[in-house]
Amino acid sequence: MAQPAHRMDAPEPTPVELRYRYHRAQRQVRDNRRVETRLARYRFYILVAVLIALAVAFVLGSWHEVQRLFGL
């Protein structure tokens, strides 16, 4: 059975590289949070619009029934 080729391990990252990775990860988290906040805002406005449309439909339907029942 053939032996796998000996590979060299990657050298230990320097403190500068570690800080760079840390800050890049923080920037990624911040960007993701900004995108999620924007999407949540869109979802909220869509939900409010749907609820207002349902309320208007209910009021108009009720008004029509009141006119039909009482002859207004």
Foldseek 3Di string as FASTA:
>chain_A
DDDDDDDDDDDDDDPVVVVVVVVVVVVVVVVVVVVVVVVVVVVVVVVVVVVVVVVVVVVVVVVVVVCVVPVD
